[in-house]
Amino acid sequence: MSGIVLSASVRQNLLSLQATADLLATTQNDLATGKKVNSALDNPTNFFTAQSLNNRASDIGNLLDGIGNGVQVLQAANTGITSLQSLIDSAKSIANQALQTTVGYSTKSNVSTTISGAS
């Protein structure tokens, strides 16, 4: 069985088309991923720099989540403290009312004593 015989110009055109197809595939991959360097084979320095920056961005994102959780805790604590202050103010108000009405209770007590002594 004999192989396919190509002239030099056809062979050159075929190799050129294959190289163009490879470049097109690489370009499509770059566009699809949004990355300039997709593997360490493309450019090791840029690849590992990008990988390091991605890891740092992830760490910063995790820290941001933690800060957000801390803010939520502080807001809940603030709400609790505000509620406690309101409760204390209500208790003070009730205590002040009780202090002001003790005269009325003492008068009632005197009236009760007077009534029971009259019988």
N, C-alpha and C. Protein backbone atom coordinates (compact mmCIF):
# COMPACT_ATOMS: atom_id res chain seq x y z
N MET A 1 0.85 -1.16 0.00
CA MET A 1 0.00 0.00 0.00
C MET A 1 0.90 1.23 0.00
N SER A 2 0.68 2.08 -0.90
CA SER A 2 1.54 3.26 -1.03
C SER A 2 0.90 4.43 -0.31
N GLY A 3 1.73 5.37 0.21
CA GLY A 3 1.26 6.56 0.90
C GLY A 3 0.78 7.60 -0.09
N ILE A 4 0.21 8.63 0.42
CA ILE A 4 -0.28 9.72 -0.41
C ILE A 4 0.91 10.59 -0.77
N VAL A 5 1.01 10.86 -2.04
CA VAL A 5 2.12 11.68 -2.53
C VAL A 5 1.62 13.12 -2.67
N LEU A 6 2.32 14.02 -2.01
CA LEU A 6 1.96 15.43 -2.09
C LEU A 6 3.13 16.21 -2.67
N SER A 7 2.77 17.18 -3.45
CA SER A 7 3.84 18.04 -3.97
C SER A 7 4.33 18.93 -2.83
N ALA A 8 5.45 19.55 -3.00
CA ALA A 8 6.05 20.39 -1.96
C ALA A 8 5.14 21.56 -1.61
N SER A 9 4.52 22.16 -2.60
CA SER A 9 3.66 23.32 -2.33
C SER A 9 2.40 22.90 -1.58
N VAL A 10 1.82 21.75 -1.95
CA VAL A 10 0.62 21.26 -1.26
C VAL A 10 0.97 20.90 0.18
N ARG A 11 2.12 20.24 0.37
CA ARG A 11 2.57 19.86 1.71
C ARG A 11 2.76 21.13 2.57
N GLN A 12 3.36 22.15 1.98
CA GLN A 12 3.59 23.40 2.71
C GLN A 12 2.27 24.07 3.10
N ASN A 13 1.31 24.05 2.18
CA ASN A 13 -0.01 24.62 2.46
C ASN A 13 -0.71 23.83 3.57
N LEU A 14 -0.59 22.50 3.54
CA LEU A 14 -1.20 21.65 4.57
C LEU A 14 -0.59 21.94 5.94
N LEU A 15 0.71 22.04 6.01
CA LEU A 15 1.37 22.36 7.28
C LEU A 15 0.97 23.75 7.78
N SER A 16 0.84 24.68 6.86
CA SER A 16 0.42 26.03 7.22
C SER A 16 -1.00 26.03 7.77
N LEU A 17 -1.89 25.26 7.14
CA LEU A 17 -3.28 25.16 7.62
C LEU A 17 -3.34 24.50 9.00
N GLN A 18 -2.52 23.47 9.21
CA GLN A 18 -2.49 22.81 10.52
C GLN A 18 -1.99 23.78 11.60
N ALA A 19 -0.97 24.56 11.29
CA ALA A 19 -0.46 25.53 12.25
C ALA A 19 -1.51 26.60 12.55
N THR A 20 -2.24 27.01 11.50
CA THR A 20 -3.30 28.00 11.69
C THR A 20 -4.42 27.43 12.56
N ALA A 21 -4.77 26.16 12.33
CA ALA A 21 -5.81 25.50 13.14
C ALA A 21 -5.37 25.41 14.60
N ASP A 22 -4.09 25.11 14.84
CA ASP A 22 -3.57 25.04 16.22
C ASP A 22 -3.64 26.42 16.89
N LEU A 23 -3.24 27.45 16.16
CA LEU A 23 -3.30 28.81 16.71
C LEU A 23 -4.74 29.24 16.99
N LEU A 24 -5.66 28.85 16.10
CA LEU A 24 -7.07 29.17 16.28
C LEU A 24 -7.61 28.48 17.54
N ALA A 25 -7.24 27.22 17.73
CA ALA A 25 -7.69 26.49 18.92
C ALA A 25 -7.15 27.15 20.19
N THR A 26 -5.90 27.57 20.16
CA THR A 26 -5.30 28.24 21.31
C THR A 26 -6.01 29.56 21.60
N THR A 27 -6.29 30.32 20.55
CA THR A 27 -6.98 31.60 20.71
C THR A 27 -8.39 31.40 21.26
N GLN A 28 -9.11 30.40 20.74
CA GLN A 28 -10.45 30.12 21.24
C GLN A 28 -10.42 29.71 22.71
N ASN A 29 -9.41 28.94 23.08
CA ASN A 29 -9.28 28.54 24.49
C ASN A 29 -9.01 29.75 25.37
N ASP A 30 -8.14 30.65 24.90
CA ASP A 30 -7.85 31.87 25.66
C ASP A 30 -9.11 32.72 25.83
N LEU A 31 -9.89 32.84 24.77
CA LEU A 31 -11.12 33.63 24.83
C LEU A 31 -12.16 32.96 25.73
N ALA A 32 -12.24 31.64 25.67
CA ALA A 32 -13.24 30.92 26.46
C ALA A 32 -12.93 31.00 27.95
N THR A 33 -11.65 30.90 28.31
CA THR A 33 -11.29 30.91 29.73
C THR A 33 -11.07 32.31 30.27
N GLY A 34 -10.80 33.25 29.40
CA GLY A 34 -10.51 34.61 29.84
C GLY A 34 -9.11 34.75 30.42
N LYS A 35 -8.29 33.73 30.27
CA LYS A 35 -6.94 33.77 30.80
C LYS A 35 -5.94 33.96 29.68
N LYS A 36 -4.95 34.78 29.94
CA LYS A 36 -3.90 34.98 28.94
C LYS A 36 -2.96 33.78 28.92
N VAL A 37 -2.73 33.20 30.10
CA VAL A 37 -1.85 32.04 30.24
C VAL A 37 -2.67 30.94 30.90
N ASN A 38 -2.84 29.81 30.21
CA ASN A 38 -3.67 28.74 30.73
C ASN A 38 -2.90 27.63 31.42
N SER A 39 -1.63 27.50 31.13
CA SER A 39 -0.85 26.44 31.77
C SER A 39 0.58 26.92 31.97
N ALA A 40 1.31 26.17 32.77
CA ALA A 40 2.71 26.52 33.02
C ALA A 40 3.54 26.39 31.76
N LEU A 41 3.06 25.64 30.79
CA LEU A 41 3.81 25.48 29.54
C LEU A 41 3.76 26.75 28.70
N ASP A 42 2.68 27.52 28.82
CA ASP A 42 2.56 28.75 28.04
C ASP A 42 3.61 29.78 28.48
N ASN A 43 3.64 30.05 29.76
CA ASN A 43 4.59 31.02 30.32
C ASN A 43 4.67 30.75 31.82
N PRO A 44 5.66 30.00 32.28
CA PRO A 44 5.72 29.58 33.68
C PRO A 44 5.69 30.74 34.67
N THR A 45 6.42 31.79 34.40
CA THR A 45 6.47 32.92 35.34
C THR A 45 5.10 33.55 35.50
N ASN A 46 4.45 33.85 34.39
CA ASN A 46 3.12 34.47 34.46
C ASN A 46 2.09 33.52 35.03
N PHE A 47 2.19 32.23 34.71
CA PHE A 47 1.22 31.26 35.21
C PHE A 47 1.27 31.19 36.73
N PHE A 48 2.47 31.04 37.30
CA PHE A 48 2.58 30.91 38.75
C PHE A 48 2.29 32.23 39.46
N THR A 49 2.60 33.34 38.82
CA THR A 49 2.23 34.64 39.39
C THR A 49 0.71 34.76 39.44
N ALA A 50 0.05 34.39 38.35
CA ALA A 50 -1.41 34.45 38.31
C ALA A 50 -2.02 33.50 39.33
N GLN A 51 -1.45 32.32 39.46
CA GLN A 51 -1.97 31.35 40.43
C GLN A 51 -1.83 31.90 41.86
N SER A 52 -0.69 32.51 42.14
CA SER A 52 -0.47 33.11 43.46
C SER A 52 -1.47 34.23 43.72
N LEU A 53 -1.70 35.07 42.71
CA LEU A 53 -2.66 36.17 42.87
C LEU A 53 -4.08 35.65 43.04
N ASN A 54 -4.43 34.60 42.33
CA ASN A 54 -5.76 34.00 42.50
C ASN A 54 -5.94 33.46 43.91
N ASN A 55 -4.90 32.80 44.44
CA ASN A 55 -4.97 32.28 45.80
C ASN A 55 -5.11 33.42 46.81
N ARG A 56 -4.37 34.50 46.57
CA ARG A 56 -4.45 35.66 47.47
C ARG A 56 -5.84 36.29 47.41
N ALA A 57 -6.40 36.38 46.21
CA ALA A 57 -7.75 36.93 46.07
C ALA A 57 -8.76 36.07 46.81
N SER A 58 -8.59 34.76 46.74
CA SER A 58 -9.48 33.85 47.46
C SER A 58 -9.36 34.05 48.97
N ASP A 59 -8.12 34.18 49.46
CA ASP A 59 -7.91 34.42 50.89
C ASP A 59 -8.54 35.73 51.33
N ILE A 60 -8.38 36.77 50.52
CA ILE A 60 -8.97 38.07 50.86
C ILE A 60 -10.49 37.98 50.84
N GLY A 61 -11.04 37.21 49.90
CA GLY A 61 -12.49 37.01 49.88
C GLY A 61 -12.98 36.32 51.14
N ASN A 62 -12.22 35.32 51.61
CA ASN A 62 -12.58 34.63 52.85
C ASN A 62 -12.51 35.59 54.04
N LEU A 63 -11.48 36.44 54.07
CA LEU A 63 -11.38 37.43 55.14
C LEU A 63 -12.56 38.40 55.10
N LEU A 64 -12.95 38.79 53.90
CA LEU A 64 -14.08 39.69 53.75
C LEU A 64 -15.36 39.04 54.28
N ASP A 65 -15.54 37.75 54.01
CA ASP A 65 -16.70 37.04 54.55
C ASP A 65 -16.67 37.04 56.08
N GLY A 66 -15.47 36.81 56.63
CA GLY A 66 -15.34 36.83 58.09
C GLY A 66 -15.65 38.20 58.67
N ILE A 67 -15.20 39.24 58.00
CA ILE A 67 -15.49 40.60 58.46
C ILE A 67 -16.99 40.86 58.39
N GLY A 68 -17.62 40.39 57.31
CA GLY A 68 -19.07 40.55 57.19
C GLY A 68 -19.81 39.85 58.32
N ASN A 69 -19.34 38.64 58.68
CA ASN A 69 -19.95 37.92 59.80
C ASN A 69 -19.74 38.68 61.10
N GLY A 70 -18.55 39.25 61.27
CA GLY A 70 -18.28 40.04 62.48
C GLY A 70 -19.19 41.25 62.57
N VAL A 71 -19.43 41.89 61.45
CA VAL A 71 -20.33 43.05 61.43
C VAL A 71 -21.74 42.62 61.82
N GLN A 72 -22.17 41.47 61.33
CA GLN A 72 -23.51 40.97 61.69
C GLN A 72 -23.60 40.71 63.19
N VAL A 73 -22.54 40.14 63.77
CA VAL A 73 -22.53 39.87 65.21
C VAL A 73 -22.60 41.19 65.98
N LEU A 74 -21.83 42.18 65.55
CA LEU A 74 -21.85 43.48 66.23
C LEU A 74 -23.22 44.15 66.12
N GLN A 75 -23.85 44.02 64.96
CA GLN A 75 -25.19 44.61 64.80
C GLN A 75 -26.19 43.92 65.72
N ALA A 76 -26.08 42.59 65.83
CA ALA A 76 -26.98 41.86 66.73
C ALA A 76 -26.72 42.25 68.18
N ALA A 77 -25.45 42.40 68.55
CA ALA A 77 -25.12 42.83 69.91
C ALA A 77 -25.65 44.23 70.18
N ASN A 78 -25.53 45.12 69.21
CA ASN A 78 -26.04 46.48 69.36
C ASN A 78 -27.55 46.47 69.55
N THR A 79 -28.23 45.64 68.80
CA THR A 79 -29.68 45.53 68.94
C THR A 79 -30.04 45.03 70.34
N GLY A 80 -29.29 44.03 70.82
CA GLY A 80 -29.54 43.50 72.16
C GLY A 80 -29.29 44.54 73.23
N ILE A 81 -28.20 45.29 73.11
CA ILE A 81 -27.88 46.33 74.10
C ILE A 81 -28.94 47.43 74.08
N THR A 82 -29.39 47.80 72.89
CA THR A 82 -30.45 48.81 72.78
C THR A 82 -31.73 48.32 73.44
N SER A 83 -32.05 47.05 73.25
CA SER A 83 -33.24 46.48 73.88
C SER A 83 -33.10 46.46 75.40
N LEU A 84 -31.90 46.12 75.88
CA LEU A 84 -31.66 46.13 77.32
C LEU A 84 -31.78 47.54 77.89
N GLN A 85 -31.27 48.53 77.17
CA GLN A 85 -31.40 49.92 77.63
C GLN A 85 -32.87 50.33 77.71
N SER A 86 -33.64 49.90 76.73
CA SER A 86 -35.06 50.20 76.73
C SER A 86 -35.75 49.52 77.92
N LEU A 87 -35.36 48.28 78.19
CA LEU A 87 -35.93 47.55 79.32
C LEU A 87 -35.56 48.22 80.64
N ILE A 88 -34.32 48.67 80.77
CA ILE A 88 -33.88 49.36 81.98
C ILE A 88 -34.64 50.68 82.14
N ASP A 89 -34.84 51.40 81.04
CA ASP A 89 -35.60 52.65 81.11
C ASP A 89 -37.04 52.37 81.55
N SER A 90 -37.62 51.29 81.06
CA SER A 90 -38.98 50.93 81.47
C SER A 90 -39.00 50.58 82.95
N ALA A 91 -37.99 49.83 83.42
CA ALA A 91 -37.93 49.46 84.83
C ALA A 91 -37.76 50.70 85.71
N LYS A 92 -36.94 51.66 85.26
CA LYS A 92 -36.77 52.91 86.01
C LYS A 92 -38.09 53.65 86.10
N SER A 93 -38.80 53.69 84.98
CA SER A 93 -40.08 54.39 84.95
C SER A 93 -41.07 53.75 85.91
N ILE A 94 -41.11 52.42 85.91
CA ILE A 94 -42.02 51.71 86.82
C ILE A 94 -41.60 51.95 88.27
N ALA A 95 -40.30 51.93 88.53
CA ALA A 95 -39.81 52.17 89.90
C ALA A 95 -40.15 53.58 90.35
N ASN A 96 -39.98 54.56 89.46
CA ASN A 96 -40.34 55.94 89.81
C ASN A 96 -41.83 56.08 90.08
N GLN A 97 -42.64 55.41 89.29
CA GLN A 97 -44.09 55.45 89.53
C GLN A 97 -44.42 54.82 90.87
N ALA A 98 -43.72 53.72 91.18
CA ALA A 98 -43.96 53.06 92.46
C ALA A 98 -43.55 53.96 93.62
N LEU A 99 -42.45 54.68 93.47
CA LEU A 99 -42.02 55.60 94.52
C LEU A 99 -43.02 56.73 94.70
N GLN A 100 -43.59 57.20 93.62
CA GLN A 100 -44.53 58.31 93.70
C GLN A 100 -45.86 57.86 94.28
N THR A 101 -46.25 56.61 94.09
CA THR A 101 -47.55 56.15 94.56
C THR A 101 -47.46 55.51 95.93
N THR A 102 -46.28 55.42 96.55
CA THR A 102 -46.19 54.84 97.89
C THR A 102 -46.97 55.69 98.89
N VAL A 103 -47.03 56.99 98.66
CA VAL A 103 -47.83 57.86 99.54
C VAL A 103 -49.28 57.42 99.47
N GLY A 104 -49.76 57.10 98.30
CA GLY A 104 -51.12 56.62 98.15
C GLY A 104 -51.34 55.31 98.87
N TYR A 105 -50.36 54.42 98.85
CA TYR A 105 -50.49 53.14 99.54
C TYR A 105 -50.49 53.37 101.06
N SER A 106 -49.66 54.28 101.50
CA SER A 106 -49.62 54.55 102.93
C SER A 106 -50.94 55.18 103.38
N THR A 107 -51.50 56.04 102.54
CA THR A 107 -52.80 56.62 102.86
C THR A 107 -53.86 55.54 102.90
N LYS A 108 -53.79 54.62 101.97
CA LYS A 108 -54.75 53.51 101.95
C LYS A 108 -54.57 52.67 103.20
N SER A 109 -53.32 52.49 103.60
CA SER A 109 -53.05 51.71 104.79
C SER A 109 -53.63 52.41 106.02
N ASN A 110 -53.45 53.74 106.07
CA ASN A 110 -54.02 54.50 107.19
C ASN A 110 -55.53 54.42 107.20
N VAL A 111 -56.12 54.49 106.02
CA VAL A 111 -57.57 54.39 105.91
C VAL A 111 -58.03 53.02 106.37
N SER A 112 -57.31 51.98 105.97
CA SER A 112 -57.68 50.63 106.39
C SER A 112 -57.56 50.49 107.90
N THR A 113 -56.52 51.08 108.47
CA THR A 113 -56.35 51.02 109.93
C THR A 113 -57.47 51.78 110.62
N THR A 114 -57.81 52.90 110.08
CA THR A 114 -58.87 53.71 110.65
C THR A 114 -60.19 52.98 110.57
N ILE A 115 -60.45 52.34 109.43
CA ILE A 115 -61.70 51.62 109.26
C ILE A 115 -61.75 50.42 110.21
N SER A 116 -60.68 49.69 110.30
CA SER A 116 -60.70 48.52 111.17
C SER A 116 -60.75 48.94 112.64
N GLY A 117 -60.16 50.11 112.97
CA GLY A 117 -60.20 50.59 114.36
C GLY A 117 -61.58 51.12 114.73
N ALA A 118 -62.34 51.54 113.73
CA ALA A 118 -63.65 52.10 113.99
C ALA A 118 -64.64 51.02 114.34
N SER A 119 -64.38 49.82 113.98
CA SER A 119 -65.38 48.80 114.23
C SER A 119 -65.32 48.22 115.58
